[in-house]
């Protein structure tokens, strides 16, 4: 009996060690992500934003494209010469605060790189465009709408924008995913993607956006595996007019 009791106790202790290691990893990544995001906001300020771009509006986000061509390693953290040595990367979305203001809302996604040769799905702002592959994680715009059979206002249905591309966008959003609404910038977290209805998700709070709408999310790697998303940060930055 004593040996059995000791064995059960050791099993519980072993379980707490695994939980502690997981929480320590999450804490470390969040700390690194905060520093990487600060660097990303500084680079967005440094390389600037074209406020005269007709595609830059107040109604939706646009993937950040600096006026001056920015070297690929600038999107890495740390941004060193050898890209294979960087474990994290960032991507930014921009939206004007108003048509007459020099302020822009900038949303930065920080992601981990899953392997040195990992490939990730990307798409430009137009949700009707076909998906392409990239060597860095990027937020993808996904269409959503209120589920007609939803039991509450915290449920959404995922809409595959291009059904003929053989890529199921339902898999882009899963348990624990973080969504940024394209129109408002509001952030939602996915509590559950239903197993019996994989195109329906439940959020951490009621959906307060127009219907239908679009959200930005970091999808899993092309070949599957751990989702690269770490954290998302938002700031309002001031830019000089061109």
C-alpha atoms as a PDB file:
ATOM      1  CA  UNK A   1       0.000   0.000   0.000  1.00  0.00           C
ATOM      2  CA  UNK A   2       2.820   2.382   0.850  1.00  0.00           C
ATOM      3  CA  UNK A   3       4.545   1.728  -2.494  1.00  0.00           C
ATOM      4  CA  UNK A   4       1.268   2.191  -4.365  1.00  0.00           C
ATOM      5  CA  UNK A   5       0.578   5.482  -2.579  1.00  0.00           C
ATOM      6  CA  UNK A   6       4.119   6.677  -3.348  1.00  0.00           C
ATOM      7  CA  UNK A   7       3.740   5.722  -7.016  1.00  0.00           C
ATOM      8  CA  UNK A   8       0.480   7.683  -7.346  1.00  0.00           C
ATOM      9  CA  UNK A   9       2.078  10.675  -5.655  1.00  0.00           C
ATOM     10  CA  UNK A  10       5.072  10.563  -7.987  1.00  0.00           C
ATOM     11  CA  UNK A  11       2.739  10.460 -10.984  1.00  0.00           C
ATOM     12  CA  UNK A  12       0.985  13.614  -9.805  1.00  0.00           C
ATOM     13  CA  UNK A  13       4.354  15.305  -9.209  1.00  0.00           C
ATOM     14  CA  UNK A  14       5.516  14.322 -12.698  1.00  0.00           C
ATOM     15  CA  UNK A  15       2.336  15.856 -14.136  1.00  0.00           C
ATOM     16  CA  UNK A  16       2.970  19.157 -12.362  1.00  0.00           C
ATOM     17  CA  UNK A  17       6.516  19.238 -13.768  1.00  0.00           C
ATOM     18  CA  UNK A  18       5.174  18.948 -17.327  1.00  0.00           C
ATOM     19  CA  UNK A  19       2.648  21.689 -16.663  1.00  0.00           C
ATOM     20  CA  UNK A  20       5.378  23.873 -15.181  1.00  0.00           C
ATOM     21  CA  UNK A  21       7.598  23.372 -18.233  1.00  0.00           C
ATOM     22  CA  UNK A  22       4.704  24.269 -20.557  1.00  0.00           C
ATOM     23  CA  UNK A  23       3.818  27.431 -18.618  1.00  0.00           C
ATOM     24  CA  UNK A  24       7.481  28.455 -18.467  1.00  0.00           C
ATOM     25  CA  UNK A  25       7.731  28.051 -22.258  1.00  0.00           C
ATOM     26  CA  UNK A  26       4.591  30.115 -22.812  1.00  0.00           C
ATOM     27  CA  UNK A  27       5.860  32.836 -20.456  1.00  0.00           C
ATOM     28  CA  UNK A  28       9.236  32.961 -22.227  1.00  0.00           C
ATOM     29  CA  UNK A  29       7.614  33.205 -25.648  1.00  0.00           C
ATOM     30  CA  UNK A  30       5.260  35.976 -24.529  1.00  0.00           C
ATOM     31  CA  UNK A  31       8.226  37.950 -23.159  1.00  0.00           C
ATOM     32  CA  UNK A  32      10.142  37.530 -26.418  1.00  0.00           C
ATOM     33  CA  UNK A  33       7.017  38.423 -28.418  1.00  0.00           C
ATOM     34  CA  UNK A  34       6.598  41.718 -26.537  1.00  0.00           C
ATOM     35  CA  UNK A  35      10.195  42.716 -27.354  1.00  0.00           C
ATOM     36  CA  UNK A  36       9.801  41.592 -30.981  1.00  0.00           C
ATOM     37  CA  UNK A  37       6.579  43.636 -31.283  1.00  0.00           C
ATOM     38  CA  UNK A  38       8.300  46.764 -29.922  1.00  0.00           C
ATOM     39  CA  UNK A  39      10.989  46.312 -32.567  1.00  0.00           C
ATOM     40  CA  UNK A  40       8.330  45.794 -35.240  1.00  0.00           C
ATOM     41  CA  UNK A  41       6.484  49.017 -34.330  1.00  0.00           C
ATOM     42  CA  UNK A  42       9.818  50.887 -34.407  1.00  0.00           C
ATOM     43  CA  UNK A  43      10.565  49.533 -37.895  1.00  0.00           C
ATOM     44  CA  UNK A  44       7.092  50.472 -39.141  1.00  0.00           C
ATOM     45  CA  UNK A  45       7.742  54.025 -37.917  1.00  0.00           C
ATOM     46  CA  UNK A  46      11.223  54.037 -39.458  1.00  0.00           C
ATOM     47  CA  UNK A  47      10.284  52.722 -42.899  1.00  0.00           C
ATOM     48  CA  UNK A  48       7.030  54.665 -42.945  1.00  0.00           C
ATOM     49  CA  UNK A  49       3.539  54.169 -44.313  1.00  0.00           C
ATOM     50  CA  UNK A  50       2.048  55.685 -47.461  1.00  0.00           C
ATOM     51  CA  UNK A  51      -1.060  57.463 -46.190  1.00  0.00           C
ATOM     52  CA  UNK A  52      -1.919  58.333 -49.792  1.00  0.00           C
ATOM     53  CA  UNK A  53      -2.357  54.697 -50.781  1.00  0.00           C
ATOM     54  CA  UNK A  54      -5.985  54.391 -51.994  1.00  0.00           C
ATOM     55  CA  UNK A  55      -6.112  50.840 -50.622  1.00  0.00           C
ATOM     56  CA  UNK A  56      -5.353  52.130 -47.106  1.00  0.00           C
ATOM     57  CA  UNK A  57      -8.811  52.904 -45.713  1.00  0.00           C
ATOM     58  CA  UNK A  58     -10.670  53.176 -42.427  1.00  0.00           C
ATOM     59  CA  UNK A  59     -12.885  50.170 -43.151  1.00  0.00           C
ATOM     60  CA  UNK A  60     -10.360  47.331 -43.236  1.00  0.00           C
ATOM     61  CA  UNK A  61      -6.751  46.350 -42.675  1.00  0.00           C
ATOM     62  CA  UNK A  62      -4.051  46.217 -45.318  1.00  0.00           C
ATOM     63  CA  UNK A  63      -0.871  44.098 -45.017  1.00  0.00           C
ATOM     64  CA  UNK A  64       2.020  46.413 -44.256  1.00  0.00           C
ATOM     65  CA  UNK A  65       4.131  47.318 -47.288  1.00  0.00           C
ATOM     66  CA  UNK A  66       6.812  49.923 -46.539  1.00  0.00           C
ATOM     67  CA  UNK A  67       7.483  52.705 -49.062  1.00  0.00           C
ATOM     68  CA  UNK A  68      11.159  51.772 -48.979  1.00  0.00           C
ATOM     69  CA  UNK A  69      11.852  48.131 -49.754  1.00  0.00           C
ATOM     70  CA  UNK A  70      12.688  46.428 -46.475  1.00  0.00           C
ATOM     71  CA  UNK A  71      15.130  43.533 -46.404  1.00  0.00           C
ATOM     72  CA  UNK A  72      13.561  40.137 -45.680  1.00  0.00           C
ATOM     73  CA  UNK A  73      15.555  39.651 -42.469  1.00  0.00           C
ATOM     74  CA  UNK A  74      13.966  42.805 -40.999  1.00  0.00           C
ATOM     75  CA  UNK A  75      10.809  40.752 -40.451  1.00  0.00           C
ATOM     76  CA  UNK A  76      12.755  38.280 -38.308  1.00  0.00           C
ATOM     77  CA  UNK A  77      13.527  38.445 -34.621  1.00  0.00           C
ATOM     78  CA  UNK A  78      16.326  38.767 -33.915  1.00  0.00           C
ATOM     79  CA  UNK A  79      16.966  40.398 -37.302  1.00  0.00           C
ATOM     80  CA  UNK A  80      20.453  39.026 -37.878  1.00  0.00           C
ATOM     81  CA  UNK A  81      22.306  38.164 -41.065  1.00  0.00           C
ATOM     82  CA  UNK A  82      21.679  34.410 -40.871  1.00  0.00           C
ATOM     83  CA  UNK A  83      17.897  33.898 -41.292  1.00  0.00           C
ATOM     84  CA  UNK A  84      18.113  30.287 -40.093  1.00  0.00           C
ATOM     85  CA  UNK A  85      19.239  31.491 -36.645  1.00  0.00           C
ATOM     86  CA  UNK A  86      16.052  33.508 -36.003  1.00  0.00           C
ATOM     87  CA  UNK A  87      13.229  31.624 -34.327  1.00  0.00           C
ATOM     88  CA  UNK A  88      10.563  34.344 -34.500  1.00  0.00           C
ATOM     89  CA  UNK A  89       9.086  36.679 -37.094  1.00  0.00           C
ATOM     90  CA  UNK A  90       6.493  39.425 -37.265  1.00  0.00           C
ATOM     91  CA  UNK A  91       3.871  40.706 -39.696  1.00  0.00           C
ATOM     92  CA  UNK A  92       1.844  43.918 -39.549  1.00  0.00           C
ATOM     93  CA  UNK A  93      -1.582  45.090 -40.674  1.00  0.00           C
ATOM     94  CA  UNK A  94      -2.486  48.786 -41.042  1.00  0.00           C
ATOM     95  CA  UNK A  95      -5.746  50.734 -41.109  1.00  0.00           C
ATOM     96  CA  UNK A  96      -6.335  54.480 -41.148  1.00  0.00           C
ATOM     97  CA  UNK A  97      -7.982  56.026 -38.091  1.00  0.00           C
ATOM     98  CA  UNK A  98      -9.749  58.629 -40.264  1.00  0.00           C
ATOM     99  CA  UNK A  99      -9.494  59.938 -43.813  1.00  0.00           C
ATOM    100  CA  UNK A 100      -7.996  63.239 -42.689  1.00  0.00           C
ATOM    101  CA  UNK A 101      -5.773  62.027 -39.855  1.00  0.00           C
ATOM    102  CA  UNK A 102      -2.116  61.038 -39.980  1.00  0.00           C
ATOM    103  CA  UNK A 103      -2.825  58.329 -37.445  1.00  0.00           C
ATOM    104  CA  UNK A 104      -2.995  54.659 -38.374  1.00  0.00           C
ATOM    105  CA  UNK A 105      -3.907  51.609 -36.320  1.00  0.00           C
ATOM    106  CA  UNK A 106      -1.123  49.052 -36.617  1.00  0.00           C
ATOM    107  CA  UNK A 107      -1.624  45.423 -35.580  1.00  0.00           C
ATOM    108  CA  UNK A 108       1.493  43.265 -35.211  1.00  0.00           C
ATOM    109  CA  UNK A 109       1.383  39.461 -35.160  1.00  0.00           C
ATOM    110  CA  UNK A 110       4.414  37.705 -33.671  1.00  0.00           C
ATOM    111  CA  UNK A 111       4.947  34.075 -34.652  1.00  0.00           C
ATOM    112  CA  UNK A 112       7.475  31.327 -34.097  1.00  0.00           C
ATOM    113  CA  UNK A 113       9.077  29.606 -37.065  1.00  0.00           C
ATOM    114  CA  UNK A 114       8.146  25.932 -37.226  1.00  0.00           C
ATOM    115  CA  UNK A 115      11.321  24.384 -38.648  1.00  0.00           C
ATOM    116  CA  UNK A 116      13.935  26.037 -40.843  1.00  0.00           C
ATOM    117  CA  UNK A 117      12.149  25.073 -44.077  1.00  0.00           C
ATOM    118  CA  UNK A 118       8.529  25.439 -42.993  1.00  0.00           C
ATOM    119  CA  UNK A 119       5.976  26.769 -45.469  1.00  0.00           C
ATOM    120  CA  UNK A 120       2.912  28.828 -44.560  1.00  0.00           C
ATOM    121  CA  UNK A 121      -0.298  29.905 -46.287  1.00  0.00           C
ATOM    122  CA  UNK A 122      -0.615  33.582 -47.275  1.00  0.00           C
ATOM    123  CA  UNK A 123      -3.153  35.689 -49.155  1.00  0.00           C
ATOM    124  CA  UNK A 124      -3.375  39.358 -49.936  1.00  0.00           C
ATOM    125  CA  UNK A 125      -6.204  41.559 -48.623  1.00  0.00           C
ATOM    126  CA  UNK A 126      -8.699  40.313 -51.224  1.00  0.00           C
ATOM    127  CA  UNK A 127     -10.310  37.215 -49.693  1.00  0.00           C
ATOM    128  CA  UNK A 128     -11.278  35.940 -53.153  1.00  0.00           C
ATOM    129  CA  UNK A 129      -7.652  35.487 -54.191  1.00  0.00           C
ATOM    130  CA  UNK A 130      -6.095  32.043 -54.192  1.00  0.00           C
ATOM    131  CA  UNK A 131      -3.780  31.078 -51.374  1.00  0.00           C
ATOM    132  CA  UNK A 132      -0.026  30.991 -51.887  1.00  0.00           C
ATOM    133  CA  UNK A 133       2.891  29.620 -49.889  1.00  0.00           C
ATOM    134  CA  UNK A 134       5.427  31.725 -47.975  1.00  0.00           C
ATOM    135  CA  UNK A 135       8.536  31.030 -45.940  1.00  0.00           C
ATOM    136  CA  UNK A 136       7.234  33.102 -42.990  1.00  0.00           C
ATOM    137  CA  UNK A 137       3.922  32.992 -41.063  1.00  0.00           C
ATOM    138  CA  UNK A 138       1.527  35.736 -42.138  1.00  0.00           C
ATOM    139  CA  UNK A 139      -2.044  36.614 -41.078  1.00  0.00           C
ATOM    140  CA  UNK A 140      -4.644  35.415 -43.566  1.00  0.00           C
ATOM    141  CA  UNK A 141      -8.020  37.088 -44.113  1.00  0.00           C
ATOM    142  CA  UNK A 142     -10.862  34.585 -43.603  1.00  0.00           C
ATOM    143  CA  UNK A 143     -14.588  35.189 -44.141  1.00  0.00           C
ATOM    144  CA  UNK A 144     -16.958  34.467 -41.245  1.00  0.00           C
ATOM    145  CA  UNK A 145     -20.657  34.923 -40.598  1.00  0.00           C
ATOM    146  CA  UNK A 146     -23.182  34.303 -37.856  1.00  0.00           C
ATOM    147  CA  UNK A 147     -24.245  30.679 -37.858  1.00  0.00           C
ATOM    148  CA  UNK A 148     -27.952  30.475 -38.708  1.00  0.00           C
ATOM    149  CA  UNK A 149     -28.379  27.568 -36.288  1.00  0.00           C
ATOM    150  CA  UNK A 150     -26.213  29.092 -33.563  1.00  0.00           C
ATOM    151  CA  UNK A 151     -27.364  28.700 -29.975  1.00  0.00           C
ATOM    152  CA  UNK A 152     -25.731  31.984 -28.934  1.00  0.00           C
ATOM    153  CA  UNK A 153     -24.152  35.170 -30.230  1.00  0.00           C
ATOM    154  CA  UNK A 154     -20.673  33.846 -29.515  1.00  0.00           C
ATOM    155  CA  UNK A 155     -20.759  31.341 -32.404  1.00  0.00           C
ATOM    156  CA  UNK A 156     -19.495  31.934 -35.951  1.00  0.00           C
ATOM    157  CA  UNK A 157     -19.388  29.960 -39.168  1.00  0.00           C
ATOM    158  CA  UNK A 158     -16.198  29.882 -41.260  1.00  0.00           C
ATOM    159  CA  UNK A 159     -16.667  30.463 -44.992  1.00  0.00           C
ATOM    160  CA  UNK A 160     -14.167  28.911 -47.416  1.00  0.00           C
ATOM    161  CA  UNK A 161     -13.586  31.825 -49.810  1.00  0.00           C
ATOM    162  CA  UNK A 162     -12.131  29.733 -52.648  1.00  0.00           C
ATOM    163  CA  UNK A 163     -13.612  26.210 -52.403  1.00  0.00           C
ATOM    164  CA  UNK A 164     -11.881  25.085 -55.595  1.00  0.00           C
ATOM    165  CA  UNK A 165      -8.320  25.617 -54.363  1.00  0.00           C
ATOM    166  CA  UNK A 166      -8.248  22.289 -52.453  1.00  0.00           C
ATOM    167  CA  UNK A 167      -7.348  24.093 -49.210  1.00  0.00           C
ATOM    168  CA  UNK A 168      -9.896  23.762 -46.401  1.00  0.00           C
ATOM    169  CA  UNK A 169      -9.910  27.109 -44.598  1.00  0.00           C
ATOM    170  CA  UNK A 170     -11.864  25.598 -41.709  1.00  0.00           C
ATOM    171  CA  UNK A 171      -8.525  24.290 -40.480  1.00  0.00           C
ATOM    172  CA  UNK A 172      -7.060  27.796 -40.334  1.00  0.00           C
ATOM    173  CA  UNK A 173      -9.096  28.488 -37.179  1.00  0.00           C
ATOM    174  CA  UNK A 174      -8.962  26.046 -34.304  1.00  0.00           C
ATOM    175  CA  UNK A 175      -9.194  25.843 -30.513  1.00  0.00           C
ATOM    176  CA  UNK A 176      -7.089  28.643 -29.035  1.00  0.00           C
ATOM    177  CA  UNK A 177      -6.806  30.673 -32.253  1.00  0.00           C
ATOM    178  CA  UNK A 178      -6.731  34.468 -31.953  1.00  0.00           C
ATOM    179  CA  UNK A 179      -8.865  36.445 -34.423  1.00  0.00           C
ATOM    180  CA  UNK A 180      -8.623  40.141 -35.322  1.00  0.00           C
ATOM    181  CA  UNK A 181     -11.754  41.614 -36.909  1.00  0.00           C
ATOM    182  CA  UNK A 182     -10.908  43.262 -40.224  1.00  0.00           C
ATOM    183  CA  UNK A 183     -13.365  46.130 -39.846  1.00  0.00           C
ATOM    184  CA  UNK A 184     -12.877  47.137 -36.207  1.00  0.00           C
ATOM    185  CA  UNK A 185      -9.629  45.570 -35.019  1.00  0.00           C
ATOM    186  CA  UNK A 186     -11.382  43.896 -32.106  1.00  0.00           C
ATOM    187  CA  UNK A 187      -9.602  40.774 -30.854  1.00  0.00           C
ATOM    188  CA  UNK A 188     -11.398  37.491 -30.167  1.00  0.00           C
ATOM    189  CA  UNK A 189     -10.142  34.138 -28.940  1.00  0.00           C
ATOM    190  CA  UNK A 190     -11.582  30.834 -30.115  1.00  0.00           C
ATOM    191  CA  UNK A 191     -12.632  28.564 -27.262  1.00  0.00           C
ATOM    192  CA  UNK A 192     -13.741  25.651 -29.412  1.00  0.00           C
ATOM    193  CA  UNK A 193     -14.127  24.444 -32.976  1.00  0.00           C
ATOM    194  CA  UNK A 194     -16.891  21.863 -32.898  1.00  0.00           C
ATOM    195  CA  UNK A 195     -15.862  18.348 -33.909  1.00  0.00           C
ATOM    196  CA  UNK A 196     -19.270  17.538 -35.422  1.00  0.00           C
ATOM    197  CA  UNK A 197     -19.409  20.915 -37.253  1.00  0.00           C
ATOM    198  CA  UNK A 198     -15.790  21.861 -38.070  1.00  0.00           C
ATOM    199  CA  UNK A 199     -16.890  25.068 -39.808  1.00  0.00           C
ATOM    200  CA  UNK A 200     -18.497  26.419 -36.598  1.00  0.00           C
ATOM    201  CA  UNK A 201     -16.488  28.035 -33.776  1.00  0.00           C
ATOM    202  CA  UNK A 202     -17.308  29.388 -30.326  1.00  0.00           C
ATOM    203  CA  UNK A 203     -15.659  32.625 -29.153  1.00  0.00           C
ATOM    204  CA  UNK A 204     -14.634  33.854 -25.727  1.00  0.00           C
ATOM    205  CA  UNK A 205     -17.243  36.650 -25.913  1.00  0.00           C
ATOM    206  CA  UNK A 206     -20.251  37.654 -28.032  1.00  0.00           C
ATOM    207  CA  UNK A 207     -19.557  38.635 -31.628  1.00  0.00           C
ATOM    208  CA  UNK A 208     -20.146  42.390 -31.954  1.00  0.00           C
ATOM    209  CA  UNK A 209     -19.293  42.933 -35.624  1.00  0.00           C
ATOM    210  CA  UNK A 210     -21.366  43.354 -38.825  1.00  0.00           C
ATOM    211  CA  UNK A 211     -22.469  40.151 -40.523  1.00  0.00           C
ATOM    212  CA  UNK A 212     -20.897  38.833 -42.674  1.00  0.00           C
ATOM    213  CA  UNK A 213     -17.388  39.959 -41.808  1.00  0.00           C
ATOM    214  CA  UNK A 214     -13.751  38.982 -42.137  1.00  0.00           C
ATOM    215  CA  UNK A 215     -11.099  38.140 -39.564  1.00  0.00           C
ATOM    216  CA  UNK A 216      -7.318  37.890 -39.710  1.00  0.00           C
ATOM    217  CA  UNK A 217      -5.690  34.766 -38.280  1.00  0.00           C
ATOM    218  CA  UNK A 218      -2.298  33.027 -38.414  1.00  0.00           C
ATOM    219  CA  UNK A 219      -2.987  29.594 -39.987  1.00  0.00           C
ATOM    220  CA  UNK A 220      -1.039  26.429 -39.205  1.00  0.00           C
ATOM    221  CA  UNK A 221       1.870  25.388 -41.470  1.00  0.00           C
ATOM    222  CA  UNK A 222       1.071  23.977 -44.909  1.00  0.00           C
ATOM    223  CA  UNK A 223       2.233  20.510 -43.889  1.00  0.00           C
ATOM    224  CA  UNK A 224       0.381  20.691 -40.563  1.00  0.00           C
ATOM    225  CA  UNK A 225       1.716  20.740 -37.028  1.00  0.00           C
ATOM    226  CA  UNK A 226       1.904  23.246 -34.214  1.00  0.00           C
ATOM    227  CA  UNK A 227       0.365  26.640 -34.914  1.00  0.00           C
ATOM    228  CA  UNK A 228       3.140  29.277 -35.162  1.00  0.00           C
ATOM    229  CA  UNK A 229       1.129  32.130 -33.593  1.00  0.00           C
ATOM    230  CA  UNK A 230       2.506  33.555 -30.320  1.00  0.00           C
ATOM    231  CA  UNK A 231       0.826  36.918 -29.646  1.00  0.00           C
ATOM    232  CA  UNK A 232      -0.780  39.987 -31.232  1.00  0.00           C
ATOM    233  CA  UNK A 233      -0.282  43.659 -30.313  1.00  0.00           C
ATOM    234  CA  UNK A 234      -1.972  46.876 -31.432  1.00  0.00           C
ATOM    235  CA  UNK A 235      -0.921  50.523 -31.396  1.00  0.00           C
ATOM    236  CA  UNK A 236      -1.987  53.777 -33.025  1.00  0.00           C
ATOM    237  CA  UNK A 237       1.007  55.389 -34.736  1.00  0.00           C
ATOM    238  CA  UNK A 238       1.434  58.796 -36.310  1.00  0.00           C
ATOM    239  CA  UNK A 239       2.970  59.046 -39.784  1.00  0.00           C
ATOM    240  CA  UNK A 240       4.118  62.036 -41.757  1.00  0.00           C
ATOM    241  CA  UNK A 241       2.253  62.780 -44.979  1.00  0.00           C
ATOM    242  CA  UNK A 242       4.035  62.060 -48.252  1.00  0.00           C
END
